[in-house]
Amino acid sequence: MPVGYERTFVSDYIPNQCSLLPPQLATELYSAGRSQDQQPAGTYAREVLEQLLIDLSWSSSRLEGNNKSLLDTKELFELGEHAGPMDEDTLMLLNHKDAIESMVDAVPTEGITVPVIVDLQARLMRDLLKDARDIGSIRRRVVNIDGSVYSPSNIPALLDDTLKDLVDKARQIRNPAALRAIVNTELDQLEQYNGARYNLARGMTQRWIDAGRPR
């Protein structure tokens, strides 16, 4: 029997009271990820941006079935769009690079916002969707997940309202570990855009690695 998206999970979620993680674990993860000489949000990411781009782009793309090696990715980023034929694997990696560069700048200053999420999806899926109208717009197509009983909502208004509600509550969460848990889980399950389902969730959560708290 199909299992649909549970809207009340977000609507009933109370920031800083509810959590997908046990409170002690969330606190321990926050402490473990926070350096003693904490720098302004985004500083660390910018300092290690070159290697960050390669590692995150390759690992995330690989989970989506990309066949490029880590060495291929490094060479591709060094050459950019002059690297050769723009096949799907190449486009996916270059899109990841562009999305991560944008997120390093946007999230530490703007925090999580609907425009930031829309921009991330657009960058990740540039030239990879058959219909360009699906870029940055709420999904209006029916989605079925092969091999799973889970069935995402196919009601555009519900997807839009839930995303806005999730963003509003995420901005209030003080612990980045608890924030990453709820955003990663809900963006993955909501699947509000065509394409970029897993990449979008990973992209949003990865950008808080060095941020002290959301804005």
C-alpha atoms as a PDB file:
ATOM      1  CA  MET A   1       0.000   0.000   0.000  1.00  0.00           C
ATOM      2  CA  PRO A   2       1.458   3.419  -0.976  1.00  0.00           C
ATOM      3  CA  VAL A   3       2.586   5.721   1.844  1.00  0.00           C
ATOM      4  CA  GLY A   4       2.082   9.440   1.184  1.00  0.00           C
ATOM      5  CA  TYR A   5       3.908  12.515   2.458  1.00  0.00           C
ATOM      6  CA  GLU A   6       2.940  13.389   6.043  1.00  0.00           C
ATOM      7  CA  ARG A   7       2.264  17.139   6.020  1.00  0.00           C
ATOM      8  CA  THR A   8       1.702  17.341   9.780  1.00  0.00           C
ATOM      9  CA  PHE A   9       5.348  16.454  10.403  1.00  0.00           C
ATOM     10  CA  VAL A  10       6.265  20.019   9.411  1.00  0.00           C
ATOM     11  CA  SER A  11       3.082  21.778  10.532  1.00  0.00           C
ATOM     12  CA  ASP A  12       3.322  20.277  14.049  1.00  0.00           C
ATOM     13  CA  TYR A  13       7.091  20.814  14.347  1.00  0.00           C
ATOM     14  CA  ILE A  14       7.997  23.384  17.024  1.00  0.00           C
ATOM     15  CA  PRO A  15      11.506  24.837  16.568  1.00  0.00           C
ATOM     16  CA  ASN A  16      13.863  24.252  19.520  1.00  0.00           C
ATOM     17  CA  GLN A  17      11.319  21.968  21.190  1.00  0.00           C
ATOM     18  CA  CYS A  18      10.882  19.214  18.617  1.00  0.00           C
ATOM     19  CA  SER A  19      13.901  17.471  17.122  1.00  0.00           C
ATOM     20  CA  LEU A  20      14.692  14.460  14.975  1.00  0.00           C
ATOM     21  CA  LEU A  21      17.807  13.990  17.092  1.00  0.00           C
ATOM     22  CA  PRO A  22      17.900  13.228  20.827  1.00  0.00           C
ATOM     23  CA  PRO A  23      18.729  16.566  22.578  1.00  0.00           C
ATOM     24  CA  GLN A  24      22.017  15.266  24.010  1.00  0.00           C
ATOM     25  CA  LEU A  25      23.180  13.969  20.624  1.00  0.00           C
ATOM     26  CA  ALA A  26      22.278  17.269  18.924  1.00  0.00           C
ATOM     27  CA  THR A  27      24.297  19.169  21.539  1.00  0.00           C
ATOM     28  CA  GLU A  28      27.276  16.828  21.209  1.00  0.00           C
ATOM     29  CA  LEU A  29      27.278  17.109  17.425  1.00  0.00           C
ATOM     30  CA  TYR A  30      27.076  20.893  17.626  1.00  0.00           C
ATOM     31  CA  SER A  31      29.988  21.032  20.071  1.00  0.00           C
ATOM     32  CA  ALA A  32      32.083  18.569  18.071  1.00  0.00           C
ATOM     33  CA  GLY A  33      31.640  20.567  14.883  1.00  0.00           C
ATOM     34  CA  ARG A  34      32.379  23.950  16.436  1.00  0.00           C
ATOM     35  CA  SER A  35      36.051  24.934  16.665  1.00  0.00           C
ATOM     36  CA  GLN A  36      37.376  26.782  19.711  1.00  0.00           C
ATOM     37  CA  ASP A  37      38.479  29.722  17.563  1.00  0.00           C
ATOM     38  CA  GLN A  38      35.153  29.893  15.713  1.00  0.00           C
ATOM     39  CA  GLN A  39      35.437  32.165  12.684  1.00  0.00           C
ATOM     40  CA  PRO A  40      32.614  34.101  10.985  1.00  0.00           C
ATOM     41  CA  ALA A  41      30.192  31.832   9.131  1.00  0.00           C
ATOM     42  CA  GLY A  42      31.518  30.892   5.712  1.00  0.00           C
ATOM     43  CA  THR A  43      35.153  31.773   6.456  1.00  0.00           C
ATOM     44  CA  TYR A  44      36.372  28.193   6.717  1.00  0.00           C
ATOM     45  CA  ALA A  45      34.491  27.131   3.590  1.00  0.00           C
ATOM     46  CA  ARG A  46      36.104  29.926   1.595  1.00  0.00           C
ATOM     47  CA  GLU A  47      39.568  29.035   2.891  1.00  0.00           C
ATOM     48  CA  VAL A  48      39.287  25.421   1.678  1.00  0.00           C
ATOM     49  CA  LEU A  49      36.967  26.135  -1.242  1.00  0.00           C
ATOM     50  CA  GLU A  50      39.100  24.558  -3.960  1.00  0.00           C
ATOM     51  CA  GLN A  51      39.269  21.116  -2.355  1.00  0.00           C
ATOM     52  CA  LEU A  52      35.706  21.473  -1.035  1.00  0.00           C
ATOM     53  CA  LEU A  53      34.420  21.975  -4.568  1.00  0.00           C
ATOM     54  CA  ILE A  54      36.153  18.864  -5.835  1.00  0.00           C
ATOM     55  CA  ASP A  55      35.286  16.530  -2.944  1.00  0.00           C
ATOM     56  CA  LEU A  56      31.645  17.559  -2.456  1.00  0.00           C
ATOM     57  CA  SER A  57      30.849  17.801  -6.163  1.00  0.00           C
ATOM     58  CA  TRP A  58      32.339  14.397  -6.888  1.00  0.00           C
ATOM     59  CA  SER A  59      30.841  12.574  -3.906  1.00  0.00           C
ATOM     60  CA  SER A  60      27.375  14.050  -4.374  1.00  0.00           C
ATOM     61  CA  SER A  61      27.363  13.426  -8.129  1.00  0.00           C
ATOM     62  CA  ARG A  62      28.604   9.892  -7.624  1.00  0.00           C
ATOM     63  CA  LEU A  63      25.548   9.140  -5.480  1.00  0.00           C
ATOM     64  CA  GLU A  64      23.438  10.234  -8.445  1.00  0.00           C
ATOM     65  CA  GLY A  65      25.172   7.718 -10.738  1.00  0.00           C
ATOM     66  CA  ASN A  66      27.892   9.968 -12.159  1.00  0.00           C
ATOM     67  CA  ASN A  67      30.732   7.928 -13.694  1.00  0.00           C
ATOM     68  CA  LYS A  68      33.519  10.528 -13.481  1.00  0.00           C
ATOM     69  CA  SER A  69      36.425   9.726 -11.161  1.00  0.00           C
ATOM     70  CA  LEU A  70      37.793  12.061  -8.495  1.00  0.00           C
ATOM     71  CA  LEU A  71      40.788  12.749 -10.748  1.00  0.00           C
ATOM     72  CA  ASP A  72      38.454  13.447 -13.688  1.00  0.00           C
ATOM     73  CA  THR A  73      36.609  15.954 -11.496  1.00  0.00           C
ATOM     74  CA  LYS A  74      39.805  17.743 -10.497  1.00  0.00           C
ATOM     75  CA  GLU A  75      40.930  18.029 -14.121  1.00  0.00           C
ATOM     76  CA  LEU A  76      37.463  19.163 -15.207  1.00  0.00           C
ATOM     77  CA  PHE A  77      37.385  21.981 -12.666  1.00  0.00           C
ATOM     78  CA  GLU A  78      40.833  23.127 -13.698  1.00  0.00           C
ATOM     79  CA  LEU A  79      39.783  23.346 -17.361  1.00  0.00           C
ATOM     80  CA  GLY A  80      36.189  24.453 -16.826  1.00  0.00           C
ATOM     81  CA  GLU A  81      33.901  24.498 -19.850  1.00  0.00           C
ATOM     82  CA  HIS A  82      36.936  24.025 -22.108  1.00  0.00           C
ATOM     83  CA  ALA A  83      37.315  20.466 -20.785  1.00  0.00           C
ATOM     84  CA  GLY A  84      35.630  18.857 -23.770  1.00  0.00           C
ATOM     85  CA  PRO A  85      32.178  17.502 -24.685  1.00  0.00           C
ATOM     86  CA  MET A  86      29.407  18.575 -22.301  1.00  0.00           C
ATOM     87  CA  ASP A  87      27.884  15.176 -21.579  1.00  0.00           C
ATOM     88  CA  GLU A  88      25.469  14.677 -18.680  1.00  0.00           C
ATOM     89  CA  ASP A  89      28.182  13.621 -16.211  1.00  0.00           C
ATOM     90  CA  THR A  90      30.257  16.709 -17.035  1.00  0.00           C
ATOM     91  CA  LEU A  91      27.272  19.040 -16.735  1.00  0.00           C
ATOM     92  CA  MET A  92      26.287  17.515 -13.410  1.00  0.00           C
ATOM     93  CA  LEU A  93      29.739  18.128 -11.939  1.00  0.00           C
ATOM     94  CA  LEU A  94      30.008  21.677 -13.255  1.00  0.00           C
ATOM     95  CA  ASN A  95      26.538  22.421 -11.911  1.00  0.00           C
ATOM     96  CA  HIS A  96      27.555  21.124  -8.490  1.00  0.00           C
ATOM     97  CA  LYS A  97      30.610  23.362  -8.539  1.00  0.00           C
ATOM     98  CA  ASP A  98      28.524  26.393  -9.424  1.00  0.00           C
ATOM     99  CA  ALA A  99      25.913  25.570  -6.775  1.00  0.00           C
ATOM    100  CA  ILE A 100      28.483  25.091  -3.996  1.00  0.00           C
ATOM    101  CA  GLU A 101      30.271  28.342  -4.858  1.00  0.00           C
ATOM    102  CA  SER A 102      26.960  30.159  -4.678  1.00  0.00           C
ATOM    103  CA  MET A 103      25.971  28.532  -1.387  1.00  0.00           C
ATOM    104  CA  VAL A 104      29.272  29.392   0.289  1.00  0.00           C
ATOM    105  CA  ASP A 105      28.459  33.046  -0.305  1.00  0.00           C
ATOM    106  CA  ALA A 106      24.680  33.031   0.120  1.00  0.00           C
ATOM    107  CA  VAL A 107      23.881  30.888   3.169  1.00  0.00           C
ATOM    108  CA  PRO A 108      26.246  32.491   5.736  1.00  0.00           C
ATOM    109  CA  THR A 109      24.825  35.950   4.938  1.00  0.00           C
ATOM    110  CA  GLU A 110      21.213  35.219   3.985  1.00  0.00           C
ATOM    111  CA  GLY A 111      20.564  31.959   5.818  1.00  0.00           C
ATOM    112  CA  ILE A 112      18.003  29.506   4.480  1.00  0.00           C
ATOM    113  CA  THR A 113      15.362  31.240   2.354  1.00  0.00           C
ATOM    114  CA  VAL A 114      13.023  30.067  -0.373  1.00  0.00           C
ATOM    115  CA  PRO A 115      14.913  32.136  -3.013  1.00  0.00           C
ATOM    116  CA  VAL A 116      18.194  30.490  -1.956  1.00  0.00           C
ATOM    117  CA  ILE A 117      16.640  27.034  -2.317  1.00  0.00           C
ATOM    118  CA  VAL A 118      15.141  27.930  -5.710  1.00  0.00           C
ATOM    119  CA  ASP A 119      18.513  29.241  -6.886  1.00  0.00           C
ATOM    120  CA  LEU A 120      20.275  26.091  -5.727  1.00  0.00           C
ATOM    121  CA  GLN A 121      17.854  23.865  -7.627  1.00  0.00           C
ATOM    122  CA  ALA A 122      18.241  25.980 -10.750  1.00  0.00           C
ATOM    123  CA  ARG A 123      22.037  25.781 -10.608  1.00  0.00           C
ATOM    124  CA  LEU A 124      22.071  22.042  -9.953  1.00  0.00           C
ATOM    125  CA  MET A 125      19.701  21.213 -12.799  1.00  0.00           C
ATOM    126  CA  ARG A 126      20.887  23.714 -15.438  1.00  0.00           C
ATOM    127  CA  ASP A 127      20.668  22.058 -18.888  1.00  0.00           C
ATOM    128  CA  LEU A 128      19.766  18.699 -17.305  1.00  0.00           C
ATOM    129  CA  LEU A 129      15.964  18.926 -17.464  1.00  0.00           C
ATOM    130  CA  LYS A 130      14.032  18.352 -20.675  1.00  0.00           C
ATOM    131  CA  ASP A 131      11.625  21.204 -19.924  1.00  0.00           C
ATOM    132  CA  ALA A 132      13.336  24.468 -18.928  1.00  0.00           C
ATOM    133  CA  ARG A 133      10.096  25.575 -17.239  1.00  0.00           C
ATOM    134  CA  ASP A 134      10.829  23.057 -14.476  1.00  0.00           C
ATOM    135  CA  ILE A 135      13.869  25.077 -13.385  1.00  0.00           C
ATOM    136  CA  GLY A 136      13.086  26.937 -10.170  1.00  0.00           C
ATOM    137  CA  SER A 137       9.360  26.163 -10.236  1.00  0.00           C
ATOM    138  CA  ILE A 138       7.269  24.005  -7.930  1.00  0.00           C
ATOM    139  CA  ARG A 139       6.775  20.526  -9.369  1.00  0.00           C
ATOM    140  CA  ARG A 140       3.572  20.032 -11.326  1.00  0.00           C
ATOM    141  CA  ARG A 141       4.323  16.541 -12.582  1.00  0.00           C
ATOM    142  CA  VAL A 142       3.385  13.269 -10.923  1.00  0.00           C
ATOM    143  CA  VAL A 143       6.378  11.532  -9.354  1.00  0.00           C
ATOM    144  CA  ASN A 144       6.633   7.809  -8.636  1.00  0.00           C
ATOM    145  CA  ILE A 145       9.668   6.257  -6.958  1.00  0.00           C
ATOM    146  CA  ASP A 146      10.583   2.863  -8.354  1.00  0.00           C
ATOM    147  CA  GLY A 147      11.026   0.144  -5.748  1.00  0.00           C
ATOM    148  CA  SER A 148       9.456   2.197  -2.952  1.00  0.00           C
ATOM    149  CA  VAL A 149       6.009   2.377  -1.390  1.00  0.00           C
ATOM    150  CA  TYR A 150       6.569   6.071  -0.662  1.00  0.00           C
ATOM    151  CA  SER A 151       4.511   8.403  -2.850  1.00  0.00           C
ATOM    152  CA  PRO A 152       5.383  12.144  -2.685  1.00  0.00           C
ATOM    153  CA  SER A 153       2.571  14.664  -2.768  1.00  0.00           C
ATOM    154  CA  ASN A 154       1.599  15.774  -6.275  1.00  0.00           C
ATOM    155  CA  ILE A 155      -0.360  18.868  -5.222  1.00  0.00           C
ATOM    156  CA  PRO A 156       1.612  22.020  -6.190  1.00  0.00           C
ATOM    157  CA  ALA A 157      -0.101  24.289  -3.634  1.00  0.00           C
ATOM    158  CA  LEU A 158       0.666  21.821  -0.821  1.00  0.00           C
ATOM    159  CA  LEU A 159       4.300  21.546  -1.913  1.00  0.00           C
ATOM    160  CA  ASP A 160       4.664  25.339  -2.012  1.00  0.00           C
ATOM    161  CA  ASP A 161       3.007  25.917   1.376  1.00  0.00           C
ATOM    162  CA  THR A 162       4.993  23.132   3.052  1.00  0.00           C
ATOM    163  CA  LEU A 163       8.290  24.452   1.707  1.00  0.00           C
ATOM    164  CA  LYS A 164       7.546  27.954   3.024  1.00  0.00           C
ATOM    165  CA  ASP A 165       6.507  26.535   6.403  1.00  0.00           C
ATOM    166  CA  LEU A 166       9.669  24.418   6.592  1.00  0.00           C
ATOM    167  CA  VAL A 167      11.904  27.386   5.748  1.00  0.00           C
ATOM    168  CA  ASP A 168      10.183  29.605   8.313  1.00  0.00           C
ATOM    169  CA  LYS A 169      10.691  27.036  11.069  1.00  0.00           C
ATOM    170  CA  ALA A 170      14.227  26.139  10.005  1.00  0.00           C
ATOM    171  CA  ARG A 171      15.271  29.777  10.377  1.00  0.00           C
ATOM    172  CA  GLN A 172      14.257  29.634  14.043  1.00  0.00           C
ATOM    173  CA  ILE A 173      16.274  26.531  14.986  1.00  0.00           C
ATOM    174  CA  ARG A 174      19.313  27.437  17.074  1.00  0.00           C
ATOM    175  CA  ASN A 175      21.238  24.155  16.948  1.00  0.00           C
ATOM    176  CA  PRO A 176      22.794  23.561  13.479  1.00  0.00           C
ATOM    177  CA  ALA A 177      22.810  19.775  14.022  1.00  0.00           C
ATOM    178  CA  ALA A 178      19.050  19.729  14.651  1.00  0.00           C
ATOM    179  CA  LEU A 179      18.606  22.111  11.732  1.00  0.00           C
ATOM    180  CA  ARG A 180      20.480  19.883   9.330  1.00  0.00           C
ATOM    181  CA  ALA A 181      18.444  16.856  10.426  1.00  0.00           C
ATOM    182  CA  ILE A 182      15.039  18.404   9.740  1.00  0.00           C
ATOM    183  CA  VAL A 183      16.001  20.199   6.514  1.00  0.00           C
ATOM    184  CA  ASN A 184      17.796  17.200   5.035  1.00  0.00           C
ATOM    185  CA  THR A 185      14.908  14.858   5.857  1.00  0.00           C
ATOM    186  CA  GLU A 186      12.078  17.104   4.725  1.00  0.00           C
ATOM    187  CA  LEU A 187      13.593  18.431   1.491  1.00  0.00           C
ATOM    188  CA  ASP A 188      14.405  14.850   0.547  1.00  0.00           C
ATOM    189  CA  GLN A 189      10.858  13.624   1.192  1.00  0.00           C
ATOM    190  CA  LEU A 190       8.970  16.697  -0.024  1.00  0.00           C
ATOM    191  CA  GLU A 191      10.547  16.577  -3.503  1.00  0.00           C
ATOM    192  CA  GLN A 192       9.027  19.924  -4.423  1.00  0.00           C
ATOM    193  CA  TYR A 193      11.065  20.376  -7.609  1.00  0.00           C
ATOM    194  CA  ASN A 194      11.699  18.251 -10.665  1.00  0.00           C
ATOM    195  CA  GLY A 195      15.179  16.771 -10.302  1.00  0.00           C
ATOM    196  CA  ALA A 196      17.815  17.612  -7.694  1.00  0.00           C
ATOM    197  CA  ARG A 197      15.938  15.755  -4.949  1.00  0.00           C
ATOM    198  CA  TYR A 198      18.927  14.364  -3.075  1.00  0.00           C
ATOM    199  CA  ASN A 199      21.341  17.037  -4.272  1.00  0.00           C
ATOM    200  CA  LEU A 200      19.092  19.803  -2.978  1.00  0.00           C
ATOM    201  CA  ALA A 201      18.859  18.302   0.496  1.00  0.00           C
ATOM    202  CA  ARG A 202      22.602  17.649   0.658  1.00  0.00           C
ATOM    203  CA  GLY A 203      23.428  21.067  -0.715  1.00  0.00           C
ATOM    204  CA  MET A 204      21.374  22.908   1.872  1.00  0.00           C
ATOM    205  CA  THR A 205      22.690  20.909   4.821  1.00  0.00           C
ATOM    206  CA  GLN A 206      26.352  20.960   3.758  1.00  0.00           C
ATOM    207  CA  ARG A 207      26.416  24.746   3.802  1.00  0.00           C
ATOM    208  CA  TRP A 208      25.946  24.843   7.586  1.00  0.00           C
ATOM    209  CA  ILE A 209      29.059  22.802   8.303  1.00  0.00           C
ATOM    210  CA  ASP A 210      30.987  25.881   9.451  1.00  0.00           C
ATOM    211  CA  ALA A 211      28.093  28.209  10.283  1.00  0.00           C
ATOM    212  CA  GLY A 212      27.507  29.019  13.943  1.00  0.00           C
ATOM    213  CA  ARG A 213      23.722  29.232  13.584  1.00  0.00           C
ATOM    214  CA  PRO A 214      21.184  29.917  10.841  1.00  0.00           C
ATOM    215  CA  ARG A 215      20.102  33.449   9.967  1.00  0.00           C
END
